[in-house]
Every structure is written in C-alpha cells, then in structure tokens.
PDB file of all heavy atoms in Angstrom:
ATOM      1  N   LEU A   1       0.922  -1.129  -0.075  1.00  0.00           N
ATOM      2  CA  LEU A   1       0.103   0.015   0.003  1.00  0.00           C
ATOM      3  C   LEU A   1       0.951   1.237   0.016  1.00  0.00           C
ATOM      4  O   LEU A   1       1.810   1.410   0.921  1.00  0.00           O
ATOM      5  CB  LEU A   1      -0.853  -0.008   1.217  1.00  0.00           C
ATOM      6  CG  LEU A   1      -1.894   1.155   1.426  1.00  0.00           C
ATOM      7  CD1 LEU A   1      -2.875   1.077   0.251  1.00  0.00           C
ATOM      8  CD2 LEU A   1      -2.600   1.091   2.753  1.00  0.00           C
ATOM      9  N   TYR A   2       0.779   2.109  -1.077  1.00  0.00           N
ATOM     10  CA  TYR A   2       1.598   3.299  -1.004  1.00  0.00           C
ATOM     11  C   TYR A   2       0.986   4.517  -0.504  1.00  0.00           C
ATOM     12  O   TYR A   2      -0.269   4.642  -0.702  1.00  0.00           O
ATOM     13  CB  TYR A   2       1.977   3.605  -2.543  1.00  0.00           C
ATOM     14  CG  TYR A   2       2.831   2.529  -3.244  1.00  0.00           C
ATOM     15  CD1 TYR A   2       2.386   1.461  -3.984  1.00  0.00           C
ATOM     16  CD2 TYR A   2       4.219   2.688  -2.957  1.00  0.00           C
ATOM     17  CE1 TYR A   2       3.236   0.542  -4.676  1.00  0.00           C
ATOM     18  CE2 TYR A   2       5.079   1.665  -3.645  1.00  0.00           C
ATOM     19  CZ  TYR A   2       4.512   0.680  -4.362  1.00  0.00           C
ATOM     20  OH  TYR A   2       5.379  -0.305  -5.019  1.00  0.00           O
ATOM     21  N   VAL A   3       1.705   5.399   0.067  1.00  0.00           N
ATOM     22  CA  VAL A   3       1.322   6.642   0.563  1.00  0.00           C
ATOM     23  C   VAL A   3       2.090   7.638  -0.301  1.00  0.00           C
ATOM     24  O   VAL A   3       3.278   7.695  -0.267  1.00  0.00           O
ATOM     25  CB  VAL A   3       1.522   6.914   2.064  1.00  0.00           C
ATOM     26  CG1 VAL A   3       1.061   8.327   2.416  1.00  0.00           C
ATOM     27  CG2 VAL A   3       0.767   5.895   2.872  1.00  0.00           C
ATOM     28  N   SER A   4       1.392   8.415  -1.049  1.00  0.00           N
ATOM     29  CA  SER A   4       2.099   9.274  -2.092  1.00  0.00           C
ATOM     30  C   SER A   4       1.879  10.730  -1.716  1.00  0.00           C
ATOM     31  O   SER A   4       0.716  11.084  -1.217  1.00  0.00           O
ATOM     32  CB  SER A   4       1.746   9.039  -3.498  1.00  0.00           C
ATOM     33  OG  SER A   4       0.451   9.511  -3.856  1.00  0.00           O
ATOM     34  N   CYS A   5       2.886  11.559  -1.907  1.00  0.00           N
ATOM     35  CA  CYS A   5       2.693  12.871  -1.677  1.00  0.00           C
ATOM     36  C   CYS A   5       3.026  13.683  -3.008  1.00  0.00           C
ATOM     37  O   CYS A   5       4.203  13.500  -3.589  1.00  0.00           O
ATOM     38  CB  CYS A   5       3.725  13.463  -0.626  1.00  0.00           C
ATOM     39  SG  CYS A   5       3.842  15.271  -0.394  1.00  0.00           S
ATOM     40  N   SER A   6       2.087  14.495  -3.540  1.00  0.00           N
ATOM     41  CA  SER A   6       2.466  15.122  -4.811  1.00  0.00           C
ATOM     42  C   SER A   6       2.774  16.608  -4.674  1.00  0.00           C
ATOM     43  O   SER A   6       2.853  17.166  -5.864  1.00  0.00           O
ATOM     44  CB  SER A   6       1.130  14.965  -5.663  1.00  0.00           C
ATOM     45  OG  SER A   6       0.065  15.565  -5.052  1.00  0.00           O
ATOM     46  N   SER A   7       2.929  17.026  -3.550  1.00  0.00           N
ATOM     47  CA  SER A   7       3.275  18.529  -3.451  1.00  0.00           C
ATOM     48  C   SER A   7       4.738  18.779  -3.650  1.00  0.00           C
ATOM     49  O   SER A   7       5.609  18.006  -3.177  1.00  0.00           O
ATOM     50  CB  SER A   7       2.804  19.077  -2.088  1.00  0.00           C
ATOM     51  OG  SER A   7       3.307  20.316  -1.880  1.00  0.00           O
ATOM     52  N   TRP A   8       5.026  19.875  -4.302  1.00  0.00           N
ATOM     53  CA  TRP A   8       6.363  20.285  -4.456  1.00  0.00           C
ATOM     54  C   TRP A   8       7.064  20.669  -3.167  1.00  0.00           C
ATOM     55  O   TRP A   8       8.252  20.631  -3.030  1.00  0.00           O
ATOM     56  CB  TRP A   8       6.558  21.452  -5.514  1.00  0.00           C
ATOM     57  CG  TRP A   8       5.616  22.728  -5.052  1.00  0.00           C
ATOM     58  CD1 TRP A   8       4.464  22.866  -5.316  1.00  0.00           C
ATOM     59  CD2 TRP A   8       6.171  23.772  -4.244  1.00  0.00           C
ATOM     60  NE1 TRP A   8       4.086  24.144  -4.626  1.00  0.00           N
ATOM     61  CE2 TRP A   8       5.071  24.646  -4.011  1.00  0.00           C
ATOM     62  CE3 TRP A   8       7.361  23.969  -3.598  1.00  0.00           C
ATOM     63  CZ2 TRP A   8       5.174  25.760  -3.378  1.00  0.00           C
ATOM     64  CZ3 TRP A   8       7.532  25.191  -2.972  1.00  0.00           C
ATOM     65  CH2 TRP A   8       6.384  25.986  -2.751  1.00  0.00           C
ATOM     66  N   LYS A   9       6.221  20.973  -2.213  1.00  0.00           N
ATOM     67  CA  LYS A   9       6.698  21.420  -0.902  1.00  0.00           C
ATOM     68  C   LYS A   9       7.453  20.330  -0.176  1.00  0.00           C
ATOM     69  O   LYS A   9       8.325  20.627   0.594  1.00  0.00           O
ATOM     70  CB  LYS A   9       5.492  21.955   0.004  1.00  0.00           C
ATOM     71  CG  LYS A   9       4.975  23.305  -0.435  1.00  0.00           C
ATOM     72  CD  LYS A   9       3.878  23.840   0.315  1.00  0.00           C
ATOM     73  CE  LYS A   9       3.264  25.065  -0.318  1.00  0.00           C
ATOM     74  NZ  LYS A   9       2.238  25.621   0.518  1.00  0.00           N
ATOM     75  N   GLY A  10       7.000  19.134  -0.457  1.00  0.00           N
ATOM     76  CA  GLY A  10       7.659  17.812   0.156  1.00  0.00           C
ATOM     77  C   GLY A  10       9.107  17.806  -0.163  1.00  0.00           C
ATOM     78  O   GLY A  10       9.916  17.601   0.754  1.00  0.00           O
ATOM     79  N   ASN A  11       9.467  18.007  -1.429  1.00  0.00           N
ATOM     80  CA  ASN A  11      10.875  17.944  -1.833  1.00  0.00           C
ATOM     81  C   ASN A  11      11.536  19.070  -1.285  1.00  0.00           C
ATOM     82  O   ASN A  11      12.809  19.052  -0.891  1.00  0.00           O
ATOM     83  CB  ASN A  11      10.952  17.877  -3.405  1.00  0.00           C
ATOM     84  CG  ASN A  11      10.489  16.518  -3.915  1.00  0.00           C
ATOM     85  OD1 ASN A  11      10.516  15.560  -3.256  1.00  0.00           O
ATOM     86  ND2 ASN A  11       9.977  16.510  -5.057  1.00  0.00           N
ATOM     87  N   LEU A  12      10.955  20.357  -1.238  1.00  0.00           N
ATOM     88  CA  LEU A  12      11.595  21.473  -0.763  1.00  0.00           C
ATOM     89  C   LEU A  12      11.971  21.455   0.718  1.00  0.00           C
ATOM     90  O   LEU A  12      13.120  21.642   1.123  1.00  0.00           O
ATOM     91  CB  LEU A  12      10.655  22.689  -0.953  1.00  0.00           C
ATOM     92  CG  LEU A  12      11.235  24.077  -0.259  1.00  0.00           C
ATOM     93  CD1 LEU A  12      12.375  24.524  -1.157  1.00  0.00           C
ATOM     94  CD2 LEU A  12      10.099  25.007  -0.299  1.00  0.00           C
ATOM     95  N   LEU A  13      11.059  20.711   1.393  1.00  0.00           N
ATOM     96  CA  LEU A  13      11.331  20.519   2.847  1.00  0.00           C
ATOM     97  C   LEU A  13      12.475  19.463   3.046  1.00  0.00           C
ATOM     98  O   LEU A  13      13.287  19.723   4.028  1.00  0.00           O
ATOM     99  CB  LEU A  13      10.033  19.983   3.633  1.00  0.00           C
ATOM    100  CG  LEU A  13       8.985  21.070   3.849  1.00  0.00           C
ATOM    101  CD1 LEU A  13       7.684  20.444   4.289  1.00  0.00           C
ATOM    102  CD2 LEU A  13       9.402  22.045   4.893  1.00  0.00           C
ATOM    103  N   LEU A  14      12.363  18.372   2.200  1.00  0.00           N
ATOM    104  CA  LEU A  14      13.389  17.477   2.420  1.00  0.00           C
ATOM    105  C   LEU A  14      14.848  18.032   2.106  1.00  0.00           C
ATOM    106  O   LEU A  14      15.813  17.672   2.771  1.00  0.00           O
ATOM    107  CB  LEU A  14      13.113  16.120   1.411  1.00  0.00           C
ATOM    108  CG  LEU A  14      11.982  15.247   1.896  1.00  0.00           C
ATOM    109  CD1 LEU A  14      11.735  14.348   0.740  1.00  0.00           C
ATOM    110  CD2 LEU A  14      12.389  14.653   3.153  1.00  0.00           C
ATOM    111  N   ALA A  15      15.002  18.924   1.056  1.00  0.00           N
ATOM    112  CA  ALA A  15      16.273  19.473   0.723  1.00  0.00           C
ATOM    113  C   ALA A  15      16.690  20.519   1.605  1.00  0.00           C
ATOM    114  O   ALA A  15      17.918  20.703   1.726  1.00  0.00           O
ATOM    115  CB  ALA A  15      16.188  19.871  -0.790  1.00  0.00           C
ATOM    116  N   GLY A  16      15.815  21.195   2.147  1.00  0.00           N
ATOM    117  CA  GLY A  16      16.248  22.350   2.899  1.00  0.00           C
ATOM    118  C   GLY A  16      16.572  23.439   1.999  1.00  0.00           C
ATOM    119  O   GLY A  16      16.242  23.407   0.875  1.00  0.00           O
ATOM    120  N   GLY A  17      17.316  24.420   2.499  1.00  0.00           N
ATOM    121  CA  GLY A  17      17.684  25.639   1.673  1.00  0.00           C
ATOM    122  C   GLY A  17      18.733  26.368   2.342  1.00  0.00           C
ATOM    123  O   GLY A  17      19.387  26.024   3.317  1.00  0.00           O
ATOM    124  N   GLY A  18      18.999  27.627   1.816  1.00  0.00           N
ATOM    125  CA  GLY A  18      20.127  28.491   2.337  1.00  0.00           C
ATOM    126  C   GLY A  18      19.771  28.974   3.773  1.00  0.00           C
ATOM    127  O   GLY A  18      20.655  29.223   4.596  1.00  0.00           O
ATOM    128  N   ARG A  19      18.350  29.009   4.096  1.00  0.00           N
ATOM    129  CA  ARG A  19      18.034  29.510   5.471  1.00  0.00           C
ATOM    130  C   ARG A  19      17.400  28.386   6.305  1.00  0.00           C
ATOM    131  O   ARG A  19      17.058  28.618   7.507  1.00  0.00           O
ATOM    132  CB  ARG A  19      17.129  30.751   5.250  1.00  0.00           C
ATOM    133  CG  ARG A  19      17.785  31.856   4.593  1.00  0.00           C
ATOM    134  CD  ARG A  19      16.983  32.897   4.271  1.00  0.00           C
ATOM    135  NE  ARG A  19      16.763  33.768   5.524  1.00  0.00           N
ATOM    136  CZ  ARG A  19      15.924  34.813   5.689  1.00  0.00           C
ATOM    137  NH1 ARG A  19      15.188  35.085   4.543  1.00  0.00           N
ATOM    138  NH2 ARG A  19      15.922  35.460   6.863  1.00  0.00           N
ATOM    139  N   MET A  20      17.021  27.362   5.797  1.00  0.00           N
ATOM    140  CA  MET A  20      16.329  26.284   6.451  1.00  0.00           C
ATOM    141  C   MET A  20      17.082  24.839   6.394  1.00  0.00           C
ATOM    142  O   MET A  20      17.499  24.503   5.271  1.00  0.00           O
ATOM    143  CB  MET A  20      14.917  26.093   5.974  1.00  0.00           C
ATOM    144  CG  MET A  20      14.099  24.981   6.678  1.00  0.00           C
ATOM    145  SD  MET A  20      12.417  24.764   5.974  1.00  0.00           S
ATOM    146  CE  MET A  20      12.839  24.022   4.381  1.00  0.00           C
ATOM    147  N   ILE A  21      17.149  24.245   7.538  1.00  0.00           N
ATOM    148  CA  ILE A  21      17.927  22.869   7.511  1.00  0.00           C
ATOM    149  C   ILE A  21      16.930  21.856   6.800  1.00  0.00           C
ATOM    150  O   ILE A  21      15.763  22.059   6.615  1.00  0.00           O
ATOM    151  CB  ILE A  21      18.151  22.429   8.986  1.00  0.00           C
ATOM    152  CG1 ILE A  21      16.769  22.169   9.779  1.00  0.00           C
ATOM    153  CG2 ILE A  21      18.992  23.372   9.711  1.00  0.00           C
ATOM    154  CD1 ILE A  21      16.886  21.528  11.191  1.00  0.00           C
ATOM    155  N   PRO A  22      17.634  20.750   6.331  1.00  0.00           N
ATOM    156  CA  PRO A  22      16.735  19.653   5.653  1.00  0.00           C
ATOM    157  C   PRO A  22      15.667  19.186   6.703  1.00  0.00           C
ATOM    158  O   PRO A  22      16.043  18.982   7.862  1.00  0.00           O
ATOM    159  CB  PRO A  22      17.638  18.605   5.286  1.00  0.00           C
ATOM    160  CG  PRO A  22      18.970  19.341   5.118  1.00  0.00           C
ATOM    161  CD  PRO A  22      19.013  20.441   6.152  1.00  0.00           C
ATOM    162  N   ARG A  23      14.518  18.928   6.319  1.00  0.00           N
ATOM    163  CA  ARG A  23      13.409  18.469   7.122  1.00  0.00           C
ATOM    164  C   ARG A  23      12.986  17.048   6.680  1.00  0.00           C
ATOM    165  O   ARG A  23      12.085  16.955   5.823  1.00  0.00           O
ATOM    166  CB  ARG A  23      12.254  19.400   6.970  1.00  0.00           C
ATOM    167  CG  ARG A  23      12.581  20.912   7.137  1.00  0.00           C
ATOM    168  CD  ARG A  23      12.652  21.371   8.596  1.00  0.00           C
ATOM    169  NE  ARG A  23      11.456  21.150   9.366  1.00  0.00           N
ATOM    170  CZ  ARG A  23      10.307  21.761   9.232  1.00  0.00           C
ATOM    171  NH1 ARG A  23      10.383  22.964   8.567  1.00  0.00           N
ATOM    172  NH2 ARG A  23       9.307  21.557   9.985  1.00  0.00           N
ATOM    173  N   PRO A  24      13.434  16.088   7.267  1.00  0.00           N
ATOM    174  CA  PRO A  24      13.031  14.672   6.908  1.00  0.00           C
ATOM    175  C   PRO A  24      11.702  14.185   7.401  1.00  0.00           C
ATOM    176  O   PRO A  24      11.532  13.323   8.125  1.00  0.00           O
ATOM    177  CB  PRO A  24      14.146  13.821   7.692  1.00  0.00           C
ATOM    178  CG  PRO A  24      14.534  14.591   8.758  1.00  0.00           C
ATOM    179  CD  PRO A  24      14.341  16.046   8.503  1.00  0.00           C
ATOM    180  N   TRP A  25      10.686  14.876   6.881  1.00  0.00           N
ATOM    181  CA  TRP A  25       9.388  14.612   7.307  1.00  0.00           C
ATOM    182  C   TRP A  25       8.998  13.152   6.777  1.00  0.00           C
ATOM    183  O   TRP A  25       8.032  12.607   7.411  1.00  0.00           O
ATOM    184  CB  TRP A  25       8.319  15.642   6.653  1.00  0.00           C
ATOM    185  CG  TRP A  25       8.361  15.641   5.168  1.00  0.00           C
ATOM    186  CD1 TRP A  25       9.103  16.469   4.273  1.00  0.00           C
ATOM    187  CD2 TRP A  25       7.561  14.850   4.257  1.00  0.00           C
ATOM    188  NE1 TRP A  25       8.795  16.139   2.963  1.00  0.00           N
ATOM    189  CE2 TRP A  25       7.943  15.046   2.918  1.00  0.00           C
ATOM    190  CE3 TRP A  25       6.644  13.703   4.409  1.00  0.00           C
ATOM    191  CZ2 TRP A  25       7.446  14.455   1.831  1.00  0.00           C
ATOM    192  CZ3 TRP A  25       6.150  13.162   3.381  1.00  0.00           C
ATOM    193  CH2 TRP A  25       6.576  13.470   2.007  1.00  0.00           C
ATOM    194  N   ASP A  26       9.498  12.662   5.712  1.00  0.00           N
ATOM    195  CA  ASP A  26       9.120  11.330   5.170  1.00  0.00           C
ATOM    196  C   ASP A  26       9.468  10.232   6.153  1.00  0.00           C
ATOM    197  O   ASP A  26       8.645   9.413   6.376  1.00  0.00           O
ATOM    198  CB  ASP A  26       9.684  11.043   3.902  1.00  0.00           C
ATOM    199  CG  ASP A  26      11.235  11.257   3.665  1.00  0.00           C
ATOM    200  OD1 ASP A  26      11.818  11.824   4.732  1.00  0.00           O
ATOM    201  OD2 ASP A  26      11.759  10.809   2.710  1.00  0.00           O
ATOM    202  N   THR A  27      10.592  10.270   6.674  1.00  0.00           N
ATOM    203  CA  THR A  27      11.060   9.287   7.724  1.00  0.00           C
ATOM    204  C   THR A  27      10.266   9.295   9.050  1.00  0.00           C
ATOM    205  O   THR A  27       9.969   8.342   9.532  1.00  0.00           O
ATOM    206  CB  THR A  27      12.535   9.283   7.863  1.00  0.00           C
ATOM    207  OG1 THR A  27      12.955  10.525   8.307  1.00  0.00           O
ATOM    208  CG2 THR A  27      13.365   8.854   6.676  1.00  0.00           C
ATOM    209  N   TYR A  28       9.988  10.580   9.303  1.00  0.00           N
ATOM    210  CA  TYR A  28       9.229  10.864  10.502  1.00  0.00           C
ATOM    211  C   TYR A  28       7.877  10.266  10.386  1.00  0.00           C
ATOM    212  O   TYR A  28       7.325   9.644  11.253  1.00  0.00           O
ATOM    213  CB  TYR A  28       9.221  12.377  10.805  1.00  0.00           C
ATOM    214  CG  TYR A  28       8.614  12.820  12.089  1.00  0.00           C
ATOM    215  CD1 TYR A  28       9.314  12.585  13.290  1.00  0.00           C
ATOM    216  CD2 TYR A  28       7.470  13.535  12.217  1.00  0.00           C
ATOM    217  CE1 TYR A  28       8.727  12.994  14.438  1.00  0.00           C
ATOM    218  CE2 TYR A  28       6.813  13.922  13.264  1.00  0.00           C
ATOM    219  CZ  TYR A  28       7.574  13.663  14.498  1.00  0.00           C
ATOM    220  OH  TYR A  28       6.915  14.135  15.684  1.00  0.00           O
ATOM    221  N   LEU A  29       7.250  10.475   9.275  1.00  0.00           N
ATOM    222  CA  LEU A  29       5.857  10.038   9.070  1.00  0.00           C
ATOM    223  C   LEU A  29       5.839   8.514   8.931  1.00  0.00           C
ATOM    224  O   LEU A  29       4.924   7.878   9.501  1.00  0.00           O
ATOM    225  CB  LEU A  29       5.394  10.683   7.692  1.00  0.00           C
ATOM    226  CG  LEU A  29       4.026  10.146   7.170  1.00  0.00           C
ATOM    227  CD1 LEU A  29       2.953  10.505   8.169  1.00  0.00           C
ATOM    228  CD2 LEU A  29       3.612  10.717   5.804  1.00  0.00           C
ATOM    229  N   MET A  30       6.865   7.878   8.254  1.00  0.00           N
ATOM    230  CA  MET A  30       6.882   6.486   8.188  1.00  0.00           C
ATOM    231  C   MET A  30       7.041   5.921   9.548  1.00  0.00           C
ATOM    232  O   MET A  30       6.401   4.751   9.793  1.00  0.00           O
ATOM    233  CB  MET A  30       8.026   5.980   7.153  1.00  0.00           C
ATOM    234  CG  MET A  30       7.637   6.070   5.784  1.00  0.00           C
ATOM    235  SD  MET A  30       6.186   5.383   5.300  1.00  0.00           S
ATOM    236  CE  MET A  30       6.595   3.535   5.570  1.00  0.00           C
ATOM    237  N   TRP A  31       7.888   6.462  10.386  1.00  0.00           N
ATOM    238  CA  TRP A  31       8.057   5.959  11.742  1.00  0.00           C
ATOM    239  C   TRP A  31       6.655   5.884  12.573  1.00  0.00           C
ATOM    240  O   TRP A  31       6.327   5.028  13.181  1.00  0.00           O
ATOM    241  CB  TRP A  31       9.079   6.868  12.491  1.00  0.00           C
ATOM    242  CG  TRP A  31       9.271   6.357  13.957  1.00  0.00           C
ATOM    243  CD1 TRP A  31      10.118   5.293  14.321  1.00  0.00           C
ATOM    244  CD2 TRP A  31       8.728   6.934  15.075  1.00  0.00           C
ATOM    245  NE1 TRP A  31      10.062   5.251  15.666  1.00  0.00           N
ATOM    246  CE2 TRP A  31       9.354   6.286  16.160  1.00  0.00           C
ATOM    247  CE3 TRP A  31       7.889   7.976  15.301  1.00  0.00           C
ATOM    248  CZ2 TRP A  31       8.963   6.458  17.496  1.00  0.00           C
ATOM    249  CZ3 TRP A  31       7.557   8.335  16.670  1.00  0.00           C
ATOM    250  CH2 TRP A  31       8.099   7.451  17.727  1.00  0.00           C
ATOM    251  N   HIS A  32       5.991   6.954  12.341  1.00  0.00           N
ATOM    252  CA  HIS A  32       4.687   7.190  13.005  1.00  0.00           C
ATOM    253  C   HIS A  32       3.647   6.175  12.449  1.00  0.00           C
ATOM    254  O   HIS A  32       2.874   5.466  13.104  1.00  0.00           O
ATOM    255  CB  HIS A  32       4.076   8.487  12.950  1.00  0.00           C
ATOM    256  CG  HIS A  32       4.599   9.473  14.003  1.00  0.00           C
ATOM    257  ND1 HIS A  32       4.074   9.414  15.266  1.00  0.00           N
ATOM    258  CD2 HIS A  32       5.526  10.466  13.924  1.00  0.00           C
ATOM    259  CE1 HIS A  32       4.774  10.360  16.010  1.00  0.00           C
ATOM    260  NE2 HIS A  32       5.611  11.058  15.147  1.00  0.00           N
ATOM    261  N   LEU A  33       3.692   5.977  11.128  1.00  0.00           N
ATOM    262  CA  LEU A  33       2.759   5.068  10.397  1.00  0.00           C
ATOM    263  C   LEU A  33       2.988   3.566  10.847  1.00  0.00           C
ATOM    264  O   LEU A  33       2.079   2.883  11.242  1.00  0.00           O
ATOM    265  CB  LEU A  33       2.911   5.085   8.970  1.00  0.00           C
ATOM    266  CG  LEU A  33       2.305   6.442   8.222  1.00  0.00           C
ATOM    267  CD1 LEU A  33       2.623   6.464   6.709  1.00  0.00           C
ATOM    268  CD2 LEU A  33       0.762   6.317   8.428  1.00  0.00           C
ATOM    269  N   GLN A  34       4.320   3.197  10.861  1.00  0.00           N
ATOM    270  CA  GLN A  34       4.614   1.813  11.226  1.00  0.00           C
ATOM    271  C   GLN A  34       4.293   1.531  12.788  1.00  0.00           C
ATOM    272  O   GLN A  34       3.874   0.454  13.100  1.00  0.00           O
ATOM    273  CB  GLN A  34       6.068   1.508  10.887  1.00  0.00           C
ATOM    274  CG  GLN A  34       6.175   1.409   9.501  1.00  0.00           C
ATOM    275  CD  GLN A  34       7.642   1.061   9.034  1.00  0.00           C
ATOM    276  OE1 GLN A  34       8.597   1.168   9.820  1.00  0.00           O
ATOM    277  NE2 GLN A  34       7.851   0.816   7.802  1.00  0.00           N
ATOM    278  N   ARG A  35       4.480   2.491  13.518  1.00  0.00           N
ATOM    279  CA  ARG A  35       4.194   2.434  14.999  1.00  0.00           C
ATOM    280  C   ARG A  35       2.686   2.356  15.200  1.00  0.00           C
ATOM    281  O   ARG A  35       2.368   1.627  16.092  1.00  0.00           O
ATOM    282  CB  ARG A  35       4.724   3.774  15.707  1.00  0.00           C
ATOM    283  CG  ARG A  35       4.846   3.644  17.135  1.00  0.00           C
ATOM    284  CD  ARG A  35       5.769   4.754  17.635  1.00  0.00           C
ATOM    285  NE  ARG A  35       5.341   4.895  19.057  1.00  0.00           N
ATOM    286  CZ  ARG A  35       4.995   6.155  19.630  1.00  0.00           C
ATOM    287  NH1 ARG A  35       4.979   7.154  18.844  1.00  0.00           N
ATOM    288  NH2 ARG A  35       4.701   6.138  20.913  1.00  0.00           N
ATOM    289  N   ALA A  36       1.830   2.961  14.406  1.00  0.00           N
ATOM    290  CA  ALA A  36       0.495   2.986  14.595  1.00  0.00           C
ATOM    291  C   ALA A  36      -0.090   1.655  14.007  1.00  0.00           C
ATOM    292  O   ALA A  36      -1.099   1.133  14.529  1.00  0.00           O
ATOM    293  CB  ALA A  36      -0.216   4.153  13.990  1.00  0.00           C
ATOM    294  N   LEU A  37       0.500   1.180  12.807  1.00  0.00           N
ATOM    295  CA  LEU A  37      -0.025  -0.083  12.254  1.00  0.00           C
ATOM    296  C   LEU A  37       0.338  -1.305  12.830  1.00  0.00           C
ATOM    297  O   LEU A  37      -0.380  -2.373  12.707  1.00  0.00           O
ATOM    298  CB  LEU A  37       0.381  -0.099  10.854  1.00  0.00           C
ATOM    299  CG  LEU A  37      -0.309   1.049   9.972  1.00  0.00           C
ATOM    300  CD1 LEU A  37       0.365   0.998   8.503  1.00  0.00           C
ATOM    301  CD2 LEU A  37      -1.823   0.772   9.865  1.00  0.00           C
ATOM    302  N   LYS A  38       1.454  -1.421  13.527  1.00  0.00           N
ATOM    303  CA  LYS A  38       1.937  -2.679  14.062  1.00  0.00           C
ATOM    304  C   LYS A  38       0.997  -3.383  15.008  1.00  0.00           C
ATOM    305  O   LYS A  38       0.689  -4.514  14.921  1.00  0.00           O
ATOM    306  CB  LYS A  38       3.406  -2.558  14.685  1.00  0.00           C
ATOM    307  CG  LYS A  38       4.512  -2.636  13.628  1.00  0.00           C
ATOM    308  CD  LYS A  38       5.821  -2.500  14.342  1.00  0.00           C
ATOM    309  CE  LYS A  38       6.877  -2.545  13.347  1.00  0.00           C
ATOM    310  NZ  LYS A  38       8.269  -2.326  13.872  1.00  0.00           N
ATOM    311  N   PRO A  39       0.466  -2.555  15.927  1.00  0.00           N
ATOM    312  CA  PRO A  39      -0.470  -3.241  16.913  1.00  0.00           C
ATOM    313  C   PRO A  39      -1.671  -3.631  16.271  1.00  0.00           C
ATOM    314  O   PRO A  39      -2.397  -4.519  16.650  1.00  0.00           O
ATOM    315  CB  PRO A  39      -0.755  -2.204  18.007  1.00  0.00           C
ATOM    316  CG  PRO A  39       0.040  -0.944  17.672  1.00  0.00           C
ATOM    317  CD  PRO A  39       0.769  -1.188  16.439  1.00  0.00           C
TER     318      PRO A  39
END
C-alpha cells in the first residue's frame, strides 16, 4: 500500500535551503505510520 505526496513542498522541505535545515518529514511520517499499524 503506497502513501504518495504530490506537493512540491515535500521535496523543498526534504532538501532544505540556504536558510532552513533539511526536514526529513518522510522518515518521521513512516516511523509514526509503522508504529500505529503494528499493533
């Protein structure tokens, strides 16, 4: 089962920029998803 994100903001957050650190929202979301689904 795939969870997809089609927003350009997702890639922008992952990459970070000159003024913002990279934001690994994808691994954070997967951690929460697997934690909620296992039980």
